[in-house]
Amino acid sequence: MAKSNFKTVGEYLSLGKKFIIPNYQRGYKWGVPEKDKCAVGVLMGSLLDAFSIKKPQYFLQGVTVSETDRGIVLIDGQQRTTTLFLLLCYLQCTTLRKLTIEYQIREKSETFLRGLVGKSQEQLVEADNPEEDYQDIYYFKKALRTIKDELDDKDDQTAGFLSRFNQYVLHQVHLLYIVIPESKAIRTFTMMNGHKANMKDGELIKAELLRLISLPPEAENATIPATVDDALAAISGTFAMEWDINALRSKYAREWDKWQYWWNRKEIRIFFTSNEDSVVRLERIYFLSKIQDQEFTFDNFKNAFLQKKDKAKKTFAGLRNLQKAFEDWYNDPITYNSLGLVLQSSSDKEKSILSFLKFASQNSRSKQDFQEYAKWLLLNVDISEESDLAKRKKEAAEVVHNLLSGPDVYNVATGDAYKQLLRLNVLKLGNRKFDFSAYTNKSLEHIWSQSKGSLPEHYSGTILDKTLSMHCIGNLVLLEGYINSALSNKPFKEKKEILFEKIKRGSLLMHTLQVFSKTFGKADDKNAMLDLTHDWGPSDIANNKTQFLTEFKNYYGLN
């Protein structure tokens, strides 16, 4: 049975026990900006407004907790409690010296918060440091800076303002304090958050998985203790079992957080073209790889994989294997480049990942198998489907070859010029990983500029013959967007001078470098010297087109 009463912030934070953030809770999110303000800014605005009109009492939303021997377990109210802690740290409140916020799995977060107590305001909002790459800490710092900005914007900057505001928060701000039994904590958490817009399916899946996995084994052949010694032994066994359950839950939660940290890395999100800030991509791919006729939702995932403890453990193992596969693919340069080409060959990135996963699950795949798969998927040929494969390969290669042989490849909507120029730049790196973020800002650049005003007078015509033109494949290279903007419609020699600086910094795509320059030494040498005297004309376009199409025919077996 839940019990509740109102407490002031000072009473709430002075209960004499540490606050525990359980392992099924998500990270700190109130520092995340949404539209023009984050939740911290909204709270600060409300508190300052109430303070300015001397409102006798101001009520915050309630917190739901379980009171245990270990401390106060925050079921609902983690964000508010942490934000109040950060605010009072900035206000130099002495009450906090006896307060501890313990994270069951995020030790860096706990250590960081503990280190805030007693710091000066300047230290609390100091410049970024590498530690802020850790998600919670990044948003703790965001929150502290928001608190500073809101207080600085306040008109009332008279002596003792911060001290008076501190006293107001401690003694006039109230919240509803709700206590429930610990046995109902996870289920209550799931129910309370299930209808909130900011509680996503992936977070509910995590909470339910941890709940099921940590359920105690059902008592079998239970008997009534016959002696005091038997009773003591039974009690001892119960304590041991609880210890094992908590240890197991923490183990799974820590592993899950490692996955989430991996998916939140900037380079991972760019590579998988994902805007999601959690491990939900892993959960969705796992679900869709097994359930094709249902939408990915918490309820559907639960019904399929989270009915019982044994099934939940099997699901966790499946997620672990899938996570390892993603990490292995990403860490190996050849598989990384192959998957990158697959992801860039389709507008439906999730479908591409599922397709790659399906191919990987068919027998034992070598790195060369993945290269072959990516090679043909660039032509929209799925080689995992073996029916009429040789015929489908030949027909697709001929279609794309004919398209790329035409006079106006630049304006063709299929994107085959992008894909094949990307492939050539990837292949130039061999066993090194390609930076696919360059392709995210991709741009096709005319080597011989479209602007008539920048063309040499004796090359003023735009049509060179029926198949050789400004927009043919022989006059196109792939560039990062910001480089293309720098080149604009400059004459060829001026473009080469600009590219020379890019080459010296090692920032140019390697096939583009080879096409765009006459080099001394190896063609893929980043330090190669440019021949700035050579111009670019019809014969260069014709030769480059011939080389491109010859390589294409050889690569796809059309000779």
Protein backbone atom coordinates (compact mmCIF):
# COMPACT_ATOMS: atom_id res chain seq x y z
CA MET A 1 0.00 0.00 0.00
CA ALA A 2 1.44 3.36 -1.01
CA LYS A 3 1.74 6.14 1.54
CA SER A 4 2.26 9.80 0.75
CA ASN A 5 2.70 13.23 2.25
CA PHE A 6 4.12 16.61 1.27
CA LYS A 7 7.71 17.56 2.08
CA THR A 8 9.71 20.68 1.47
CA VAL A 9 12.79 20.30 -0.71
CA GLY A 10 14.92 20.78 2.42
CA GLU A 11 13.07 18.00 4.25
CA TYR A 12 13.21 15.74 1.21
CA LEU A 13 16.95 16.15 0.76
CA SER A 14 17.64 15.84 4.49
CA LEU A 15 16.02 12.45 5.07
CA GLY A 16 19.37 11.11 6.22
CA LYS A 17 19.73 8.41 3.58
CA LYS A 18 21.35 8.24 0.18
CA PHE A 19 19.21 8.41 -2.94
CA ILE A 20 19.64 5.36 -5.19
CA ILE A 21 19.12 5.53 -8.97
CA PRO A 22 18.19 1.90 -9.84
CA ASN A 23 19.71 0.13 -12.79
CA TYR A 24 16.52 0.15 -14.87
CA GLN A 25 16.45 3.96 -14.95
CA ARG A 26 17.58 5.83 -18.06
CA GLY A 27 20.26 8.51 -18.03
CA TYR A 28 19.86 12.15 -17.05
CA LYS A 29 17.80 13.93 -19.70
CA TRP A 30 16.62 17.24 -18.27
CA GLY A 31 19.66 19.00 -19.69
CA VAL A 32 18.67 17.98 -23.23
CA PRO A 33 17.49 21.06 -25.16
CA GLU A 34 14.04 20.81 -26.74
CA LYS A 35 12.97 23.64 -29.06
CA ASP A 36 14.07 26.84 -27.29
CA LYS A 37 14.41 25.50 -23.70
CA CYS A 38 15.34 22.37 -21.83
CA ALA A 39 13.39 21.04 -18.82
CA VAL A 40 15.92 22.65 -16.46
CA GLY A 41 15.22 26.06 -17.98
CA VAL A 42 11.46 25.56 -17.62
CA LEU A 43 11.83 24.56 -13.95
CA MET A 44 14.14 27.50 -13.21
CA GLY A 45 11.73 29.94 -14.84
CA SER A 46 8.85 28.66 -12.71
CA LEU A 47 10.85 28.75 -9.48
CA LEU A 48 12.16 32.25 -10.11
CA ASP A 49 8.68 33.53 -10.97
CA ALA A 50 7.27 32.06 -7.72
CA PHE A 51 10.17 33.54 -5.76
CA SER A 52 9.79 36.99 -7.30
CA ILE A 53 6.13 37.28 -6.24
CA LYS A 54 6.93 35.78 -2.82
CA LYS A 55 4.54 32.89 -3.32
CA PRO A 56 4.21 31.21 0.13
CA GLN A 57 4.26 27.69 -1.27
CA TYR A 58 5.28 26.29 -4.65
CA PHE A 59 4.51 22.65 -5.47
CA LEU A 60 6.57 20.42 -7.74
CA GLN A 61 5.36 17.16 -9.19
CA GLY A 62 5.62 14.20 -6.84
CA VAL A 63 8.38 11.65 -6.46
CA THR A 64 7.73 7.94 -6.03
CA VAL A 65 10.24 5.99 -3.96
CA SER A 66 10.88 2.79 -2.07
CA GLU A 67 12.42 3.18 1.38
CA THR A 68 14.96 0.41 2.05
CA ASP A 69 17.81 -0.28 4.43
CA ARG A 70 20.21 0.66 1.63
CA GLY A 71 18.60 4.05 0.97
CA ILE A 72 15.76 5.76 -0.89
CA VAL A 73 15.24 4.10 -4.27
CA LEU A 74 13.96 6.64 -6.82
CA ILE A 75 11.30 5.00 -8.97
CA ASP A 76 9.90 8.21 -10.45
CA GLY A 77 11.62 11.52 -9.76
CA GLN A 78 15.23 10.90 -10.71
CA GLN A 79 15.34 13.89 -13.08
CA ARG A 80 13.77 16.30 -10.54
CA THR A 81 15.94 15.08 -7.67
CA THR A 82 19.15 15.36 -9.70
CA THR A 83 18.21 18.81 -11.01
CA LEU A 84 17.45 20.07 -7.49
CA PHE A 85 20.83 18.70 -6.40
CA LEU A 86 22.57 20.56 -9.26
CA LEU A 87 20.68 23.78 -8.47
CA LEU A 88 21.58 23.68 -4.79
CA CYS A 89 25.21 22.90 -5.67
CA TYR A 90 25.26 26.11 -7.70
CA LEU A 91 23.60 28.00 -4.83
CA GLN A 92 26.39 26.73 -2.52
CA CYS A 93 23.86 25.01 -0.22
CA THR A 94 25.49 23.38 2.85
CA THR A 95 22.63 20.83 3.15
CA LEU A 96 24.20 18.83 0.33
CA ARG A 97 27.28 17.86 2.31
CA LYS A 98 25.32 14.96 3.84
CA LEU A 99 23.58 13.97 0.61
CA THR A 100 24.66 11.13 -1.69
CA ILE A 101 23.16 10.14 -5.04
CA GLU A 102 24.18 6.59 -5.88
CA TYR A 103 23.93 5.12 -9.38
CA GLN A 104 23.77 1.33 -9.34
CA ILE A 105 25.48 1.01 -12.71
CA ARG A 106 26.75 4.41 -13.87
CA GLU A 107 29.73 4.91 -11.60
CA LYS A 108 31.12 7.88 -13.58
CA SER A 109 27.86 9.77 -13.05
CA GLU A 110 27.93 9.13 -9.30
CA THR A 111 31.59 10.15 -8.98
CA PHE A 112 31.00 13.33 -10.98
CA LEU A 113 28.01 14.43 -8.87
CA ARG A 114 29.84 13.72 -5.62
CA GLY A 115 32.70 15.91 -6.82
CA LEU A 116 30.41 18.91 -7.37
CA VAL A 117 29.72 19.51 -3.67
CA GLY A 118 31.79 22.40 -2.36
CA LYS A 119 32.99 23.64 -5.76
CA SER A 120 32.77 27.31 -6.63
CA GLN A 121 30.25 28.54 -9.17
CA GLU A 122 33.06 29.21 -11.63
CA GLN A 123 34.32 25.64 -11.31
CA LEU A 124 30.81 24.22 -11.77
CA VAL A 125 30.39 25.84 -15.19
CA GLU A 126 34.00 25.71 -16.37
CA ALA A 127 34.87 24.98 -19.99
CA ASP A 128 34.29 21.57 -21.55
CA ASN A 129 36.66 18.74 -20.83
CA PRO A 130 37.04 15.22 -22.31
CA GLU A 131 35.04 13.72 -19.44
CA GLU A 132 31.94 15.46 -20.79
CA ASP A 133 31.81 13.00 -23.69
CA TYR A 134 30.10 10.69 -21.20
CA GLN A 135 26.38 11.23 -21.77
CA ASP A 136 25.16 11.90 -18.20
CA ILE A 137 28.07 14.22 -17.41
CA TYR A 138 27.54 16.17 -20.63
CA TYR A 139 23.93 16.91 -19.64
CA PHE A 140 24.82 17.59 -15.98
CA LYS A 141 27.09 20.35 -17.26
CA LYS A 142 24.42 21.58 -19.67
CA ALA A 143 22.00 21.81 -16.74
CA LEU A 144 24.48 23.73 -14.57
CA ARG A 145 25.09 26.25 -17.35
CA THR A 146 21.35 26.64 -17.88
CA ILE A 147 20.93 27.30 -14.14
CA LYS A 148 23.66 29.97 -14.31
CA ASP A 149 22.09 31.61 -17.39
CA GLU A 150 18.61 31.70 -15.83
CA LEU A 151 19.95 33.26 -12.61
CA ASP A 152 22.09 35.76 -14.53
CA ASP A 153 19.03 36.86 -16.53
CA LYS A 154 17.10 37.65 -13.35
CA ASP A 155 16.71 41.39 -12.82
CA ASP A 156 17.05 41.11 -9.03
CA GLN A 157 20.82 40.95 -8.50
CA THR A 158 20.83 42.67 -5.10
CA ALA A 159 23.13 41.55 -2.30
CA GLY A 160 22.09 38.21 -0.87
CA PHE A 161 19.81 37.32 -3.82
CA LEU A 162 21.24 33.83 -4.31
CA SER A 163 21.15 33.14 -0.58
CA ARG A 164 17.48 34.18 -0.34
CA PHE A 165 16.60 32.10 -3.40
CA ASN A 166 18.39 29.13 -1.83
CA GLN A 167 16.28 29.47 1.34
CA TYR A 168 13.10 29.76 -0.74
CA VAL A 169 13.85 26.54 -2.61
CA LEU A 170 14.63 24.68 0.62
CA HIS A 171 11.65 25.85 2.68
CA GLN A 172 8.86 27.10 0.38
CA VAL A 173 9.09 24.59 -2.48
CA HIS A 174 7.17 21.37 -1.77
CA LEU A 175 6.76 18.03 -3.46
CA LEU A 176 4.49 15.03 -2.92
CA TYR A 177 6.50 12.18 -1.42
CA ILE A 178 5.01 8.77 -2.34
CA VAL A 179 6.39 5.55 -0.84
CA ILE A 180 5.63 2.10 -2.27
CA PRO A 181 7.00 -1.40 -1.47
CA GLU A 182 10.25 -2.25 -3.25
CA SER A 183 8.69 -5.44 -4.64
CA LYS A 184 6.45 -3.29 -6.83
CA ALA A 185 9.17 -0.88 -7.96
CA ILE A 186 9.93 -2.06 -11.52
CA ARG A 187 6.31 -2.74 -12.43
CA THR A 188 5.31 0.67 -11.08
CA PHE A 189 8.14 2.30 -13.01
CA THR A 190 6.99 0.62 -16.23
CA MET A 191 3.34 1.53 -15.66
CA MET A 192 4.09 5.16 -14.72
CA ASN A 193 6.33 5.74 -17.70
CA GLY A 194 4.36 3.77 -20.27
CA HIS A 195 2.14 6.74 -21.11
CA LYS A 196 4.82 9.43 -21.11
CA ALA A 197 5.99 10.76 -24.43
CA ASN A 198 9.61 10.72 -23.27
CA MET A 199 9.53 7.07 -22.16
CA LYS A 200 10.39 5.22 -25.33
CA ASP A 201 9.71 1.60 -26.30
CA GLY A 202 13.42 0.78 -26.03
CA GLU A 203 13.58 1.94 -22.41
CA LEU A 204 10.49 -0.09 -21.51
CA ILE A 205 12.03 -3.16 -23.13
CA LYS A 206 15.18 -2.71 -21.08
CA ALA A 207 13.20 -2.32 -17.83
CA GLU A 208 11.07 -5.40 -18.51
CA LEU A 209 14.09 -7.49 -19.53
CA LEU A 210 15.94 -6.64 -16.32
CA ARG A 211 12.81 -7.29 -14.27
CA LEU A 212 12.25 -10.75 -15.74
CA ILE A 213 15.89 -11.80 -15.66
CA SER A 214 16.22 -10.87 -11.99
CA LEU A 215 13.09 -12.67 -10.82
CA PRO A 216 13.92 -15.13 -8.01
CA PRO A 217 13.62 -18.84 -8.88
CA GLU A 218 10.36 -20.36 -7.77
CA ALA A 219 10.63 -22.33 -4.56
CA GLU A 220 10.47 -26.04 -5.26
CA ASN A 221 9.58 -28.67 -2.69
CA ALA A 222 9.40 -25.98 0.01
CA THR A 223 9.09 -27.38 3.54
CA ILE A 224 8.42 -25.85 6.92
CA PRO A 225 11.65 -25.65 8.95
CA ALA A 226 11.63 -28.35 11.66
CA THR A 227 14.27 -26.77 13.89
CA VAL A 228 15.75 -23.38 14.71
CA ASP A 229 18.90 -24.36 12.79
CA ASP A 230 16.76 -25.18 9.72
CA ALA A 231 15.01 -21.80 9.99
CA LEU A 232 18.34 -19.95 10.26
CA ALA A 233 19.64 -21.88 7.26
CA ALA A 234 16.53 -20.91 5.26
CA ILE A 235 16.94 -17.21 6.17
CA SER A 236 20.62 -17.38 5.23
CA GLY A 237 19.68 -18.93 1.88
CA THR A 238 17.16 -16.14 1.22
CA PHE A 239 19.78 -13.44 1.86
CA ALA A 240 22.24 -15.26 -0.40
CA MET A 241 19.62 -15.52 -3.14
CA GLU A 242 18.80 -11.78 -2.91
CA TRP A 243 22.51 -10.98 -3.15
CA ASP A 244 22.85 -13.17 -6.25
CA ILE A 245 19.76 -11.60 -7.87
CA ASN A 246 21.02 -8.05 -7.33
CA ALA A 247 24.47 -8.99 -8.62
CA LEU A 248 22.93 -10.61 -11.72
CA ARG A 249 20.68 -7.62 -12.41
CA SER A 250 23.63 -5.24 -12.12
CA LYS A 251 25.70 -7.43 -14.44
CA TYR A 252 23.04 -7.35 -17.16
CA ALA A 253 22.40 -3.63 -16.67
CA ARG A 254 26.10 -2.77 -16.95
CA GLU A 255 26.36 -4.78 -20.15
CA TRP A 256 23.31 -3.02 -21.55
CA ASP A 257 24.80 0.39 -20.73
CA LYS A 258 27.98 -0.56 -22.59
CA TRP A 259 25.87 -1.25 -25.65
CA GLN A 260 24.08 2.07 -25.27
CA TYR A 261 27.36 3.95 -24.88
CA TRP A 262 28.58 2.32 -28.12
CA TRP A 263 25.45 3.29 -30.09
CA ASN A 264 25.61 6.85 -28.74
CA ARG A 265 29.11 7.46 -30.08
CA LYS A 266 29.02 10.13 -32.76
CA GLU A 267 30.93 8.10 -35.34
CA ILE A 268 28.60 5.11 -34.84
CA ARG A 269 25.49 7.22 -35.33
CA ILE A 270 26.95 8.76 -38.49
CA PHE A 271 27.97 5.38 -39.92
CA PHE A 272 24.57 3.77 -39.26
CA THR A 273 22.84 7.04 -40.25
CA SER A 274 20.87 7.01 -37.01
CA ASN A 275 19.50 9.99 -35.10
CA GLU A 276 18.41 7.81 -32.18
CA ASP A 277 20.30 8.40 -28.94
CA SER A 278 19.96 4.91 -27.52
CA VAL A 279 20.34 1.19 -28.12
CA VAL A 280 16.80 1.08 -29.56
CA ARG A 281 18.28 0.49 -33.04
CA LEU A 282 19.65 -2.84 -31.77
CA GLU A 283 16.28 -3.83 -30.29
CA ARG A 284 14.39 -2.90 -33.45
CA ILE A 285 16.76 -4.78 -35.76
CA TYR A 286 16.54 -7.85 -33.50
CA PHE A 287 12.74 -7.69 -33.56
CA LEU A 288 12.38 -7.07 -37.31
CA SER A 289 14.88 -9.81 -38.16
CA LYS A 290 12.53 -12.32 -36.54
CA ILE A 291 9.07 -10.72 -36.82
CA GLN A 292 8.33 -9.33 -40.29
CA ASP A 293 4.57 -8.79 -40.10
CA GLN A 294 4.32 -6.61 -36.98
CA GLU A 295 5.28 -3.07 -36.01
CA PHE A 296 8.12 -2.65 -33.54
CA THR A 297 6.45 -1.62 -30.27
CA PHE A 298 7.00 -2.47 -26.62
CA ASP A 299 3.84 -4.60 -26.49
CA ASN A 300 4.75 -6.58 -29.62
CA PHE A 301 8.32 -7.10 -28.42
CA LYS A 302 7.08 -8.20 -25.00
CA ASN A 303 4.55 -10.63 -26.46
CA ALA A 304 7.17 -12.17 -28.74
CA PHE A 305 10.23 -12.31 -26.49
CA LEU A 306 9.45 -11.37 -22.88
CA GLN A 307 6.76 -13.75 -21.67
CA LYS A 308 8.83 -15.68 -19.13
CA LYS A 309 12.20 -15.49 -17.42
CA ASP A 310 13.81 -18.21 -19.57
CA LYS A 311 12.60 -16.52 -22.75
CA ALA A 312 13.89 -13.15 -21.53
CA LYS A 313 17.34 -14.65 -20.87
CA LYS A 314 17.34 -16.18 -24.34
CA THR A 315 16.37 -12.79 -25.81
CA PHE A 316 19.16 -11.03 -23.94
CA ALA A 317 21.63 -13.59 -25.30
CA GLY A 318 20.30 -12.96 -28.81
CA LEU A 319 20.71 -9.21 -28.39
CA ARG A 320 24.23 -9.76 -27.08
CA ASN A 321 25.16 -11.83 -30.15
CA LEU A 322 23.70 -9.22 -32.49
CA GLN A 323 25.55 -6.43 -30.68
CA LYS A 324 28.82 -8.35 -30.99
CA ALA A 325 28.18 -8.83 -34.71
CA PHE A 326 27.67 -5.10 -35.19
CA GLU A 327 30.84 -4.30 -33.25
CA ASP A 328 32.87 -6.91 -35.16
CA TRP A 329 31.63 -5.59 -38.50
CA TYR A 330 32.41 -2.02 -37.51
CA ASN A 331 35.91 -2.80 -36.20
CA ASP A 332 37.08 -4.81 -39.23
CA PRO A 333 38.03 -2.46 -42.13
CA ILE A 334 36.90 -4.78 -44.93
CA THR A 335 33.52 -5.62 -43.41
CA TYR A 336 33.11 -1.99 -42.31
CA ASN A 337 33.66 -0.74 -45.86
CA SER A 338 31.30 -3.39 -47.25
CA LEU A 339 28.52 -2.51 -44.82
CA GLY A 340 29.11 1.18 -45.44
CA LEU A 341 28.58 0.67 -49.17
CA VAL A 342 25.41 -1.32 -48.44
CA LEU A 343 24.06 1.44 -46.20
CA GLN A 344 24.82 4.10 -48.79
CA SER A 345 23.30 2.12 -51.67
CA SER A 346 19.74 2.37 -50.36
CA SER A 347 17.42 5.09 -49.14
CA ASP A 348 16.00 2.62 -46.59
CA LYS A 349 18.93 2.21 -44.17
CA GLU A 350 17.12 -0.14 -41.82
CA LYS A 351 16.15 -2.41 -44.70
CA SER A 352 19.80 -2.44 -45.78
CA ILE A 353 20.96 -3.50 -42.32
CA LEU A 354 18.34 -6.27 -42.19
CA SER A 355 19.42 -7.41 -45.66
CA PHE A 356 23.09 -7.46 -44.59
CA LEU A 357 22.16 -9.36 -41.43
CA LYS A 358 20.16 -11.93 -43.39
CA PHE A 359 23.12 -12.49 -45.72
CA ALA A 360 25.49 -12.83 -42.75
CA SER A 361 23.26 -15.49 -41.16
CA GLN A 362 23.45 -17.75 -44.21
CA ASN A 363 26.26 -20.21 -43.49
CA SER A 364 29.72 -18.98 -42.53
CA ARG A 365 30.61 -15.76 -44.32
CA SER A 366 34.12 -14.57 -45.09
CA LYS A 367 35.18 -10.96 -45.50
CA GLN A 368 35.33 -11.53 -49.24
CA ASP A 369 31.70 -12.72 -49.19
CA PHE A 370 30.67 -9.39 -47.68
CA GLN A 371 32.66 -7.51 -50.32
CA GLU A 372 30.88 -9.48 -53.04
CA TYR A 373 27.51 -8.83 -51.46
CA ALA A 374 28.12 -5.07 -51.30
CA LYS A 375 29.49 -5.06 -54.83
CA TRP A 376 26.26 -6.37 -56.31
CA LEU A 377 23.87 -4.59 -53.98
CA LEU A 378 25.21 -1.35 -55.48
CA LEU A 379 23.45 -2.58 -58.64
CA ASN A 380 20.35 -3.60 -56.62
CA VAL A 381 21.17 -7.30 -56.99
CA ASP A 382 20.70 -9.32 -53.79
CA ILE A 383 23.00 -12.33 -54.19
CA SER A 384 21.49 -14.05 -51.16
CA GLU A 385 18.58 -14.85 -53.51
CA GLU A 386 20.13 -17.49 -55.77
CA SER A 387 17.36 -17.89 -58.36
CA ASP A 388 18.57 -16.77 -61.82
CA LEU A 389 21.52 -15.10 -60.12
CA ALA A 390 23.92 -15.14 -63.09
CA LYS A 391 21.24 -13.72 -65.37
CA ARG A 392 20.24 -11.02 -62.85
CA LYS A 393 23.88 -10.00 -62.36
CA LYS A 394 24.54 -9.67 -66.11
CA GLU A 395 21.35 -7.74 -66.83
CA ALA A 396 21.86 -5.32 -63.92
CA ALA A 397 25.49 -4.67 -64.87
CA GLU A 398 24.55 -3.99 -68.50
CA VAL A 399 21.76 -1.59 -67.50
CA VAL A 400 24.03 0.46 -65.23
CA HIS A 401 26.89 0.38 -67.74
CA ASN A 402 24.63 1.76 -70.46
CA LEU A 403 23.33 4.43 -68.11
CA LEU A 404 26.86 5.49 -67.11
CA SER A 405 27.92 5.55 -70.79
CA GLY A 406 25.38 8.26 -71.61
CA PRO A 407 25.97 11.98 -72.15
CA ASP A 408 24.07 13.22 -69.07
CA VAL A 409 24.95 11.07 -66.05
CA TYR A 410 24.95 14.14 -63.80
CA ASN A 411 21.17 14.59 -63.90
CA VAL A 412 20.16 10.91 -63.70
CA ALA A 413 18.04 10.32 -60.59
CA THR A 414 19.12 6.71 -59.88
CA GLY A 415 22.29 7.80 -58.09
CA ASP A 416 24.47 5.22 -59.87
CA ALA A 417 27.20 7.77 -60.55
CA TYR A 418 27.37 8.56 -56.82
CA LYS A 419 27.46 4.88 -55.88
CA GLN A 420 30.15 3.86 -58.37
CA LEU A 421 32.38 6.85 -57.67
CA LEU A 422 31.99 6.12 -53.97
CA ARG A 423 32.97 2.48 -54.60
CA LEU A 424 36.12 3.56 -56.43
CA ASN A 425 37.15 5.84 -53.57
CA VAL A 426 36.52 3.07 -51.01
CA LEU A 427 38.51 0.51 -53.02
CA LYS A 428 41.47 2.88 -53.22
CA LEU A 429 41.90 2.58 -49.45
CA GLY A 430 42.42 -1.19 -49.54
CA ASN A 431 42.40 -2.48 -45.95
CA ARG A 432 41.82 0.94 -44.39
CA LYS A 433 38.46 2.20 -43.15
CA PHE A 434 36.74 4.76 -45.35
CA ASP A 435 35.29 7.90 -43.76
CA PHE A 436 31.65 7.61 -44.81
CA SER A 437 30.85 10.95 -43.21
CA ALA A 438 32.36 12.41 -46.39
CA TYR A 439 29.62 10.70 -48.36
CA THR A 440 26.97 12.06 -46.00
CA ASN A 441 27.77 15.50 -47.45
CA LYS A 442 28.38 14.10 -50.92
CA SER A 443 28.52 16.21 -54.02
CA LEU A 444 29.20 15.51 -57.67
CA GLU A 445 31.70 18.01 -59.02
CA HIS A 446 32.28 18.89 -62.66
CA ILE A 447 35.99 18.81 -63.37
CA TRP A 448 35.49 21.13 -66.31
CA SER A 449 33.24 23.82 -64.87
CA GLN A 450 29.64 24.38 -66.00
CA SER A 451 30.16 28.15 -65.98
CA LYS A 452 30.91 29.30 -69.54
CA GLY A 453 32.62 32.38 -68.14
CA SER A 454 35.29 30.24 -66.49
CA LEU A 455 36.05 28.02 -69.50
CA PRO A 456 39.12 28.53 -71.65
CA GLU A 457 38.06 30.31 -74.82
CA HIS A 458 38.98 27.41 -77.13
CA TYR A 459 36.80 25.03 -75.03
CA SER A 460 33.72 27.23 -75.06
CA GLY A 461 31.37 24.58 -76.50
CA THR A 462 29.43 22.46 -74.00
CA ILE A 463 28.64 19.46 -76.24
CA LEU A 464 31.81 17.62 -77.27
CA ASP A 465 30.10 14.83 -79.24
CA LYS A 466 26.95 12.70 -78.94
CA THR A 467 28.14 10.76 -75.84
CA LEU A 468 30.85 13.07 -74.50
CA SER A 469 29.61 16.15 -72.71
CA MET A 470 29.99 18.32 -69.64
CA HIS A 471 27.68 15.99 -67.70
CA CYS A 472 29.17 12.62 -68.71
CA ILE A 473 30.93 10.33 -66.22
CA GLY A 474 34.34 11.33 -67.60
CA ASN A 475 33.89 14.88 -66.31
CA LEU A 476 32.62 14.01 -62.81
CA VAL A 477 34.26 13.27 -59.47
CA LEU A 478 32.94 12.79 -55.95
CA LEU A 479 33.75 15.50 -53.43
CA GLU A 480 32.79 16.41 -49.90
CA GLY A 481 30.21 19.18 -50.01
CA TYR A 482 32.33 21.82 -48.28
CA ILE A 483 35.17 21.27 -50.79
CA ASN A 484 32.76 21.57 -53.71
CA SER A 485 31.54 24.90 -52.32
CA ALA A 486 35.13 26.14 -52.13
CA LEU A 487 35.74 25.23 -55.79
CA SER A 488 32.51 26.81 -57.04
CA ASN A 489 32.79 27.46 -60.81
CA LYS A 490 36.48 28.29 -60.85
CA PRO A 491 38.65 27.41 -63.88
CA PHE A 492 40.37 24.03 -63.77
CA LYS A 493 43.83 25.32 -62.84
CA GLU A 494 42.45 27.34 -59.92
CA LYS A 495 40.54 24.28 -58.73
CA LYS A 496 43.76 22.26 -58.77
CA GLU A 497 45.53 24.85 -56.65
CA ILE A 498 42.74 24.70 -54.05
CA LEU A 499 42.77 20.89 -54.14
CA PHE A 500 46.53 20.90 -53.65
CA GLU A 501 45.97 22.36 -50.18
CA LYS A 502 43.34 19.69 -49.44
CA ILE A 503 45.70 16.96 -50.60
CA LYS A 504 48.48 18.25 -48.32
CA ARG A 505 46.05 17.95 -45.38
CA GLY A 506 45.05 14.44 -46.45
CA SER A 507 41.38 15.37 -46.74
CA LEU A 508 40.71 14.54 -50.40
CA LEU A 509 39.02 11.33 -51.59
CA MET A 510 41.72 9.15 -53.14
CA HIS A 511 40.10 8.26 -56.47
CA THR A 512 39.18 11.92 -56.88
CA LEU A 513 42.83 12.80 -56.26
CA GLN A 514 43.96 10.35 -58.93
CA VAL A 515 41.53 11.70 -61.52
CA PHE A 516 41.99 15.36 -60.74
CA SER A 517 45.76 15.47 -60.81
CA LYS A 518 48.80 14.39 -62.67
CA THR A 519 51.00 13.02 -59.88
CA PHE A 520 54.64 12.23 -59.33
CA GLY A 521 54.98 8.97 -57.42
CA LYS A 522 52.14 6.73 -56.29
CA ALA A 523 48.67 7.79 -57.31
CA ASP A 524 47.26 7.17 -53.83
CA ASP A 525 50.06 9.03 -52.02
CA LYS A 526 48.51 11.85 -49.97
CA ASN A 527 51.78 13.78 -50.29
CA ALA A 528 51.93 13.44 -54.08
CA MET A 529 52.80 16.59 -56.00
CA LEU A 530 50.30 18.13 -58.38
CA ASP A 531 51.21 19.05 -61.94
CA LEU A 532 49.60 22.50 -61.90
CA THR A 533 50.56 23.19 -65.52
CA HIS A 534 48.24 20.59 -67.04
CA ASP A 535 44.86 21.87 -68.21
CA TRP A 536 41.70 19.80 -68.65
CA GLY A 537 39.95 19.44 -71.97
CA PRO A 538 37.91 17.11 -74.21
CA SER A 539 40.66 14.53 -74.57
CA ASP A 540 41.00 14.30 -70.77
CA ILE A 541 37.24 13.84 -70.40
CA ALA A 542 37.26 11.14 -73.07
CA ASN A 543 40.22 9.30 -71.52
CA ASN A 544 38.76 9.47 -68.02
CA LYS A 545 35.40 8.17 -69.27
CA THR A 546 37.08 5.28 -71.06
CA GLN A 547 39.11 4.36 -67.97
CA PHE A 548 36.01 4.51 -65.75
CA LEU A 549 33.87 2.32 -68.02
CA THR A 550 36.70 -0.16 -68.60
CA GLU A 551 37.19 -0.56 -64.85
CA PHE A 552 33.42 -0.99 -64.42
CA LYS A 553 33.25 -3.74 -67.06
CA ASN A 554 36.23 -5.55 -65.57
CA TYR A 555 34.87 -5.27 -62.02
CA TYR A 556 31.42 -6.53 -62.93
CA GLY A 557 32.58 -9.14 -65.47
CA LEU A 558 31.11 -7.64 -68.65
CA ASN A 559 34.17 -8.32 -70.86
